[in-house]
Amino acid sequence: MANETIEPIEETATGMEMPSDKVADLVEYIVCGLVSNDDAVSLDVTDGPEGALIEVSCAEEDAGRIIGRRGRTIKAIRTLARALGSRVGTSVEVEVLG
């Protein structure tokens, strides 16, 4: 444990974590489990007055894995994100950018 480094947690201007951050963590966890190159995965979270938009960027060959056949996988991810979003008090949309 002596060699373990602790990275600082980025905080917003108010010093509190936004509700959309919890949803983004869930989406990132799910997406990284699906793709073959999880280093290429990045999330861009935009908070607005009507809710949050989470844009998932990934390697082009992994976009199909996130979307799934007939969009079933992304639909399931969106359902989970919206369910958690409603629990933390925000509406959420998830988009995939290949």
Protein backbone atom coordinates (compact mmCIF):
# COMPACT_ATOMS: atom_id res chain seq x y z
CA MET A 1 0.00 0.00 0.00
CA ALA A 2 2.97 2.34 0.39
CA ASN A 3 3.36 2.66 -3.40
CA GLU A 4 -0.34 3.26 -4.00
CA THR A 5 -1.13 6.70 -5.39
CA ILE A 6 -4.38 8.48 -4.80
CA GLU A 7 -5.62 10.68 -7.61
CA PRO A 8 -7.62 13.79 -6.72
CA ILE A 9 -11.30 13.76 -7.56
CA GLU A 10 -12.39 16.57 -9.84
CA GLU A 11 -15.14 18.64 -8.30
CA THR A 12 -17.57 21.09 -9.82
CA ALA A 13 -17.57 24.78 -8.96
CA THR A 14 -19.94 24.11 -6.04
CA GLY A 15 -17.76 21.30 -4.71
CA MET A 16 -20.48 18.67 -5.09
CA GLU A 17 -20.86 15.77 -7.50
CA MET A 18 -23.61 16.26 -10.08
CA PRO A 19 -26.37 13.60 -10.26
CA SER A 20 -25.47 12.98 -13.90
CA ASP A 21 -21.96 11.92 -12.81
CA LYS A 22 -23.38 8.80 -11.16
CA VAL A 23 -25.24 7.93 -14.34
CA ALA A 24 -22.12 8.56 -16.44
CA ASP A 25 -20.15 6.21 -14.18
CA LEU A 26 -22.73 3.48 -14.76
CA VAL A 27 -22.72 4.00 -18.53
CA GLU A 28 -18.91 3.98 -18.62
CA TYR A 29 -18.79 0.74 -16.60
CA ILE A 30 -21.22 -1.01 -18.94
CA VAL A 31 -19.62 0.27 -22.15
CA CYS A 32 -16.07 -0.62 -21.07
CA GLY A 33 -17.27 -4.16 -20.42
CA LEU A 34 -18.61 -4.44 -23.96
CA VAL A 35 -15.79 -3.03 -26.07
CA SER A 36 -12.46 -4.61 -26.97
CA ASN A 37 -10.48 -1.33 -26.67
CA ASP A 38 -11.65 0.35 -23.47
CA ASP A 39 -8.81 2.90 -23.67
CA ALA A 40 -10.60 4.50 -26.64
CA VAL A 41 -13.83 5.01 -24.67
CA SER A 42 -14.60 8.52 -23.49
CA LEU A 43 -17.76 10.13 -22.20
CA ASP A 44 -18.82 13.73 -22.66
CA VAL A 45 -21.50 14.77 -20.15
CA THR A 46 -23.46 17.94 -20.87
CA ASP A 47 -25.83 19.13 -18.14
CA GLY A 48 -28.70 21.33 -19.23
CA PRO A 49 -31.88 22.70 -17.68
CA GLU A 50 -33.98 19.80 -18.98
CA GLY A 51 -31.50 17.03 -18.15
CA ALA A 52 -28.16 15.54 -19.06
CA LEU A 53 -26.76 14.33 -22.37
CA ILE A 54 -24.10 11.62 -22.24
CA GLU A 55 -22.19 11.17 -25.50
CA VAL A 56 -20.13 7.98 -25.69
CA SER A 57 -17.12 8.10 -28.01
CA CYS A 58 -15.37 4.87 -28.88
CA ALA A 59 -13.32 3.15 -31.54
CA GLU A 60 -15.26 2.77 -34.78
CA GLU A 61 -15.13 -1.03 -34.69
CA ASP A 62 -16.59 -1.05 -31.14
CA ALA A 63 -19.60 1.14 -31.95
CA GLY A 64 -21.49 -1.89 -33.25
CA ARG A 65 -20.93 -3.74 -30.00
CA ILE A 66 -22.40 -0.86 -28.02
CA ILE A 67 -25.39 -0.49 -30.33
CA GLY A 68 -26.04 -4.22 -30.70
CA ARG A 69 -28.35 -6.04 -33.08
CA ARG A 70 -31.28 -3.86 -34.00
CA GLY A 71 -30.19 -1.43 -31.30
CA ARG A 72 -31.06 -3.72 -28.42
CA THR A 73 -27.89 -3.14 -26.41
CA ILE A 74 -28.01 0.66 -26.56
CA LYS A 75 -31.70 0.54 -25.74
CA ALA A 76 -30.90 -1.48 -22.60
CA ILE A 77 -28.12 0.94 -21.65
CA ARG A 78 -30.50 3.88 -22.11
CA THR A 79 -33.14 2.15 -19.98
CA LEU A 80 -30.66 1.60 -17.15
CA ALA A 81 -29.34 5.16 -17.43
CA ARG A 82 -32.85 6.63 -17.32
CA ALA A 83 -33.79 4.46 -14.34
CA LEU A 84 -30.75 5.61 -12.36
CA GLY A 85 -31.32 9.17 -13.56
CA SER A 86 -34.84 9.17 -12.18
CA ARG A 87 -33.52 7.86 -8.85
CA VAL A 88 -30.98 10.68 -8.56
CA GLY A 89 -33.37 13.32 -9.87
CA THR A 90 -32.35 14.05 -13.46
CA SER A 91 -33.40 13.02 -16.94
CA VAL A 92 -30.73 11.44 -19.11
CA GLU A 93 -30.15 10.80 -22.82
CA VAL A 94 -27.34 8.55 -24.08
CA GLU A 95 -25.89 8.86 -27.60
CA VAL A 96 -23.13 6.83 -29.26
CA LEU A 97 -20.53 8.55 -31.42
CA GLY A 98 -18.52 5.97 -33.38
